[in-house]
Protein backbone atom coordinates (compact mmCIF):
# COMPACT_ATOMS: atom_id res chain seq x y z
CA UNK A 1 105.00 79.64 100.21
CA UNK A 2 105.80 79.81 103.94
CA UNK A 3 108.80 81.60 105.41
CA UNK A 4 110.39 81.45 108.84
CA UNK A 5 109.50 84.98 109.89
CA UNK A 6 110.19 88.66 109.52
CA UNK A 7 113.83 88.39 110.56
CA UNK A 8 114.55 85.20 108.61
CA UNK A 9 113.53 85.34 104.97
CA UNK A 10 114.65 81.79 104.15
CA UNK A 11 111.75 79.55 103.03
CA UNK A 12 110.59 76.73 105.28
CA UNK A 13 110.13 74.36 102.34
CA UNK A 14 112.77 74.40 99.60
CA UNK A 15 111.14 71.69 97.49
CA UNK A 16 109.77 74.40 95.18
CA UNK A 17 112.29 77.20 95.76
CA UNK A 18 115.21 75.09 94.59
CA UNK A 19 117.41 78.09 93.69
CA UNK A 20 117.61 79.45 97.23
CA UNK A 21 121.36 78.82 97.49
CA UNK A 22 121.90 81.03 94.41
CA UNK A 23 119.26 83.64 95.21
CA UNK A 24 120.14 87.16 96.39
CA UNK A 25 118.12 86.69 99.56
CA UNK A 26 120.48 84.07 101.00
CA UNK A 27 123.24 86.69 101.18
CA UNK A 28 121.17 89.02 103.36
CA UNK A 29 121.51 86.88 106.49
CA UNK A 30 125.31 86.95 106.26
CA UNK A 31 125.36 90.70 105.44
CA UNK A 32 127.16 90.02 102.18
CA UNK A 33 124.48 91.83 100.19
CA UNK A 34 124.60 95.56 100.79
CA UNK A 35 124.80 97.25 97.40
CA UNK A 36 121.82 98.53 95.44
CA UNK A 37 121.14 97.17 91.97
CA UNK A 38 121.91 99.47 89.07
CA UNK A 39 118.82 99.63 86.85
CA UNK A 40 119.74 100.39 83.26
CA UNK A 41 117.20 102.30 81.22
CA UNK A 42 117.88 105.02 78.68
CA UNK A 43 114.42 106.55 78.29
CA UNK A 44 115.58 109.86 79.75
CA UNK A 45 118.48 110.10 77.32
CA UNK A 46 116.22 109.11 74.43
CA UNK A 47 113.60 111.74 75.35
CA UNK A 48 116.23 114.46 75.61
CA UNK A 49 117.97 113.83 72.30
CA UNK A 50 115.04 112.69 70.11
CA UNK A 51 111.95 114.88 70.06
CA UNK A 52 109.21 113.31 67.97
CA UNK A 53 108.55 115.33 64.83
CA UNK A 54 104.83 116.08 64.55
CA UNK A 55 104.85 114.78 60.98
CA UNK A 56 105.75 111.24 62.01
CA UNK A 57 103.14 111.09 64.78
CA UNK A 58 100.45 109.51 62.55
CA UNK A 59 102.84 106.66 61.76
CA UNK A 60 103.69 106.14 65.43
CA UNK A 61 99.96 106.06 66.22
CA UNK A 62 99.39 103.58 63.40
CA UNK A 63 102.02 101.25 64.88
CA UNK A 64 100.53 101.55 68.39
CA UNK A 65 103.49 103.15 70.20
CA UNK A 66 102.33 106.70 70.91
CA UNK A 67 101.24 105.77 74.44
CA UNK A 68 104.75 104.60 75.32
CA UNK A 69 106.23 107.89 74.15
CA UNK A 70 103.66 109.92 76.09
CA UNK A 71 104.44 107.94 79.22
CA UNK A 72 107.88 109.52 79.08
CA UNK A 73 110.67 109.19 81.60
CA UNK A 74 109.79 108.19 85.16
CA UNK A 75 112.51 108.51 87.78
CA UNK A 76 113.60 105.08 88.97
CA UNK A 77 113.61 104.37 92.71
CA UNK A 78 116.68 102.13 92.84
CA UNK A 79 116.27 100.90 96.45
CA UNK A 80 112.65 99.98 95.67
CA UNK A 81 113.64 98.03 92.56
CA UNK A 82 116.38 96.25 94.54
CA UNK A 83 113.90 95.29 97.28
CA UNK A 84 111.45 93.92 94.73
CA UNK A 85 114.16 91.91 92.97
CA UNK A 86 115.20 90.39 96.30
CA UNK A 87 111.63 89.17 96.71
CA UNK A 88 111.29 87.81 93.17
CA UNK A 89 111.44 84.04 92.84
CA UNK A 90 112.48 82.68 89.44
CA UNK A 91 110.94 79.29 90.30
CA UNK A 92 107.40 80.71 90.50
CA UNK A 93 107.72 84.05 88.65
CA UNK A 94 106.16 85.84 91.61
CA UNK A 95 107.17 88.34 94.28
CA UNK A 96 107.11 86.69 97.73
CA UNK A 97 105.97 89.35 100.18
CA UNK A 98 104.61 89.13 103.77
CA UNK A 99 100.99 89.10 102.57
CA UNK A 100 101.57 86.33 100.02
CA UNK A 101 102.58 86.11 96.37
CA UNK A 102 102.00 88.69 93.66
CA UNK A 103 103.24 89.26 90.13
CA UNK A 104 103.04 91.46 87.04
CA UNK A 105 100.30 90.37 84.65
CA UNK A 106 99.38 90.98 81.03
CA UNK A 107 96.54 93.17 82.25
CA UNK A 108 99.08 95.36 84.05
CA UNK A 109 101.06 95.74 80.83
CA UNK A 110 97.97 96.63 78.82
CA UNK A 111 96.74 99.21 81.35
CA UNK A 112 100.05 100.79 82.35
CA UNK A 113 101.85 100.76 79.00
CA UNK A 114 98.93 100.67 76.58
CA UNK A 115 100.47 97.82 74.58
CA UNK A 116 98.53 95.14 72.76
CA UNK A 117 98.48 91.76 74.54
CA UNK A 118 96.70 89.77 71.83
CA UNK A 119 97.82 88.79 68.35
CA UNK A 120 100.88 87.16 66.78
CA UNK A 121 103.95 86.72 68.96
CA UNK A 122 106.85 89.12 68.62
CA UNK A 123 109.56 86.88 67.25
CA UNK A 124 112.33 86.91 64.69
CA UNK A 125 116.04 86.30 64.20
CA UNK A 126 119.25 88.08 65.14
CA UNK A 127 120.99 86.74 62.04
CA UNK A 128 120.55 89.85 59.92
CA UNK A 129 122.28 91.86 57.23
CA UNK A 130 122.13 95.09 59.22
CA UNK A 131 123.44 97.31 56.42
CA UNK A 132 120.96 96.00 53.84
CA UNK A 133 118.07 96.17 56.33
CA UNK A 134 118.84 99.79 57.22
CA UNK A 135 119.10 100.74 53.56
CA UNK A 136 115.73 99.12 52.81
CA UNK A 137 113.64 100.23 55.79
CA UNK A 138 115.44 103.35 57.06
CA UNK A 139 116.85 104.72 53.83
CA UNK A 140 120.34 105.20 55.29
CA UNK A 141 123.44 103.02 55.40
CA UNK A 142 125.24 102.76 58.76
CA UNK A 143 129.05 102.75 58.94
CA UNK A 144 130.84 99.80 60.46
CA UNK A 145 131.52 101.61 63.74
CA UNK A 146 127.76 102.14 64.30
CA UNK A 147 127.08 98.39 64.22
CA UNK A 148 127.77 95.97 67.04
CA UNK A 149 126.67 92.45 66.18
CA UNK A 150 122.92 92.58 65.58
CA UNK A 151 122.55 96.00 67.22
CA UNK A 152 122.97 99.56 66.02
CA UNK A 153 124.04 102.76 67.72
CA UNK A 154 121.19 104.75 69.23
CA UNK A 155 123.11 107.98 68.74
CA UNK A 156 123.64 107.20 65.05
CA UNK A 157 119.91 106.55 64.59
CA UNK A 158 119.09 109.87 66.22
CA UNK A 159 121.64 111.77 64.15
CA UNK A 160 120.30 110.53 60.83
CA UNK A 161 116.57 110.04 61.41
CA UNK A 162 115.38 112.39 64.16
CA UNK A 163 114.89 115.41 61.88
CA UNK A 164 113.12 114.73 58.57
CA UNK A 165 113.84 117.29 55.84
CA UNK A 166 111.25 120.07 55.37
CA UNK A 167 110.15 118.64 52.03
CA UNK A 168 110.07 115.01 53.19
CA UNK A 169 107.64 112.79 51.30
CA UNK A 170 105.55 109.99 52.80
CA UNK A 171 108.21 107.34 52.22
CA UNK A 172 110.85 109.41 54.04
CA UNK A 173 108.52 110.17 56.94
CA UNK A 174 107.66 106.49 57.34
CA UNK A 175 111.35 105.62 57.40
CA UNK A 176 111.96 108.23 60.10
CA UNK A 177 109.01 106.83 62.05
CA UNK A 178 110.52 103.33 61.87
CA UNK A 179 113.79 104.68 63.24
CA UNK A 180 111.96 106.48 66.04
CA UNK A 181 109.96 103.39 67.03
CA UNK A 182 113.06 101.19 66.87
CA UNK A 183 114.91 103.57 69.18
CA UNK A 184 111.90 103.74 71.52
CA UNK A 185 111.75 99.94 71.71
CA UNK A 186 115.48 99.64 72.36
CA UNK A 187 115.61 102.46 74.92
CA UNK A 188 112.53 101.64 76.97
CA UNK A 189 110.86 98.29 76.33
CA UNK A 190 113.87 96.06 75.64
CA UNK A 191 116.78 98.15 76.90
CA UNK A 192 120.11 96.34 77.10
CA UNK A 193 122.72 96.62 79.84
CA UNK A 194 124.48 99.69 78.44
CA UNK A 195 121.64 101.36 76.60
CA UNK A 196 123.80 102.76 73.80
CA UNK A 197 122.73 100.27 71.11
CA UNK A 198 119.31 99.02 70.06
CA UNK A 199 118.55 95.51 68.74
CA UNK A 200 117.91 95.33 65.01
CA UNK A 201 115.82 92.16 65.29
CA UNK A 202 112.73 94.36 65.77
CA UNK A 203 113.20 96.37 62.57
CA UNK A 204 111.72 93.72 60.19
CA UNK A 205 108.55 93.82 62.32
CA UNK A 206 108.25 97.53 61.46
CA UNK A 207 108.16 96.98 57.70
CA UNK A 208 104.37 97.37 57.58
CA UNK A 209 103.26 99.60 60.45
CA UNK A 210 99.64 98.51 60.16
CA UNK A 211 100.81 94.94 60.70
CA UNK A 212 103.15 96.09 63.48
CA UNK A 213 100.13 97.20 65.51
CA UNK A 214 98.68 93.67 65.49
CA UNK A 215 101.60 92.01 67.32
CA UNK A 216 101.44 91.16 71.02
CA UNK A 217 104.08 93.67 72.11
CA UNK A 218 102.73 93.55 75.64
CA UNK A 219 103.31 89.80 75.86
CA UNK A 220 106.88 90.20 74.65
CA UNK A 221 107.60 92.99 77.15
CA UNK A 222 106.20 90.92 80.02
CA UNK A 223 108.26 87.86 79.05
CA UNK A 224 111.40 89.99 78.78
CA UNK A 225 110.68 91.62 82.15
CA UNK A 226 110.29 88.19 83.77
CA UNK A 227 113.61 87.10 82.30
CA UNK A 228 115.39 90.20 83.59
CA UNK A 229 113.89 89.77 87.06
CA UNK A 230 115.01 86.14 87.12
CA UNK A 231 118.52 87.06 86.05
CA UNK A 232 118.79 89.96 88.50
CA UNK A 233 117.51 87.86 91.42
CA UNK A 234 120.60 85.64 91.36
CA UNK A 235 123.34 86.46 93.82
CA UNK A 236 126.00 87.32 91.24
CA UNK A 237 123.93 89.94 89.43
CA UNK A 238 124.84 93.61 89.84
CA UNK A 239 122.23 95.27 87.64
CA UNK A 240 118.92 94.94 85.87
CA UNK A 241 117.74 96.13 82.46
CA UNK A 242 114.53 95.96 80.45
CA UNK A 243 111.32 97.86 81.15
CA UNK A 244 112.07 98.94 84.73
CA UNK A 245 109.11 101.32 84.77
CA UNK A 246 106.74 98.36 84.55
CA UNK A 247 108.29 96.89 87.71
CA UNK A 248 108.16 100.14 89.65
CA UNK A 249 104.69 101.38 88.67
């Protein structure tokens, strides 16, 4: 895709880039766009308040999420993320840079995050009985103030599942592992705008951790990242969520 030049980022041909009048880049020429996006990711908070108990590590490995935890928190360069978003085109799902077009691929996800990119799609429903699901798969019943729609409080999960009892049996340890993985997914891979609640739609996929490891989590993360980039690239957006580390690294 051709552009006018270094000092004029508007495309020469708008037959493909049909969203230019709503894109963040069109505000740069008029100096209306000066603020930096606010990336929202709660991995640092998660790492500080939830240390993985060594006894649940085999279950996390079985589900295929140990690599994500070991990756840990990476400081986000907000100006860099903002610059990349300004160059992201939702029409082509690519970054338009002076040397051409580039994008994030499934191979990037597999190498950088260590997530599986083959297998059944990560899918489900948000129409859930959160209380019954928590009782079945986590062994605890959340109060009403810990539930918000189809999400549950990250702090509540940490309070009740981060420290298994000394005499915990295999069932209890597996339940704590499910809570840990759910919090990891909601804090890092599919973080929402505020980062204080995690989506419960992923919990049914953690029922059988051996089966969990067969899903294409990498494909789901990439699709979600594309959606967040598309949303953040519009001129009315003030922030971006999701797996920001994947964009930066």
